[in-house]
């Protein structure tokens, strides 16, 4: 077994650890929806009455 590496003091890690102890852990990261995906889900224009009538005749 090799000898464990000596830990170097990091001020940033010490401050973050102290803050976590006092305030608590930060909330989990929220996923922001992709605007391009949202755009493809919804059509840009509503269907016209003629399109709706023609489509329902074919499906039924």
Protein backbone atom coordinates (compact mmCIF):
# COMPACT_ATOMS: atom_id res chain seq x y z
CA UNK A 1 0.00 0.00 0.00
CA UNK A 2 1.23 3.44 -0.83
CA UNK A 3 1.11 6.20 1.73
CA UNK A 4 -1.98 8.45 1.64
CA UNK A 5 -1.43 11.88 0.11
CA UNK A 6 -1.25 14.73 2.62
CA UNK A 7 -4.31 17.00 2.43
CA UNK A 8 -3.57 20.63 1.52
CA UNK A 9 -5.67 23.26 3.32
CA UNK A 10 -8.14 25.02 1.06
CA UNK A 11 -9.78 28.19 2.37
CA UNK A 12 -12.64 27.89 -0.11
CA UNK A 13 -13.54 24.38 1.05
CA UNK A 14 -13.32 25.46 4.69
CA UNK A 15 -15.66 28.42 4.13
CA UNK A 16 -18.16 26.32 2.19
CA UNK A 17 -18.14 23.62 4.85
CA UNK A 18 -18.71 26.22 7.58
CA UNK A 19 -21.61 27.73 5.62
CA UNK A 20 -23.19 24.30 5.10
CA UNK A 21 -23.01 23.67 8.85
CA UNK A 22 -24.72 26.97 9.68
CA UNK A 23 -27.30 27.35 6.89
CA UNK A 24 -27.71 23.82 5.56
CA UNK A 25 -27.16 22.30 2.17
CA UNK A 26 -28.36 24.30 -0.84
CA UNK A 27 -31.47 23.05 -2.65
CA UNK A 28 -31.05 20.67 -5.57
CA UNK A 29 -30.49 22.19 -8.96
CA UNK A 30 -33.66 22.79 -10.98
CA UNK A 31 -33.70 21.67 -14.59
CA UNK A 32 -34.63 24.49 -16.96
CA UNK A 33 -36.79 23.24 -19.86
CA UNK A 34 -35.23 23.59 -23.30
CA UNK A 35 -37.07 26.33 -25.28
CA UNK A 36 -36.48 24.50 -28.57
CA UNK A 37 -38.16 21.35 -27.22
CA UNK A 38 -41.14 23.40 -26.03
CA UNK A 39 -41.48 24.98 -29.46
CA UNK A 40 -41.64 21.62 -31.23
CA UNK A 41 -44.30 20.31 -28.83
CA UNK A 42 -46.79 23.04 -29.68
CA UNK A 43 -47.67 23.94 -33.27
CA UNK A 44 -47.04 27.55 -34.24
CA UNK A 45 -50.56 28.07 -35.61
CA UNK A 46 -53.90 26.62 -34.58
CA UNK A 47 -55.56 24.27 -37.03
CA UNK A 48 -58.27 25.79 -39.21
CA UNK A 49 -61.85 24.56 -39.18
CA UNK A 50 -61.37 22.98 -42.62
CA UNK A 51 -58.32 21.06 -41.35
CA UNK A 52 -60.25 19.83 -38.30
CA UNK A 53 -63.23 18.67 -40.36
CA UNK A 54 -61.03 16.93 -42.91
CA UNK A 55 -58.94 15.23 -40.26
CA UNK A 56 -61.84 13.89 -38.17
CA UNK A 57 -63.39 12.33 -41.29
CA UNK A 58 -60.19 10.40 -42.01
CA UNK A 59 -59.64 9.14 -38.45
CA UNK A 60 -63.20 8.00 -37.73
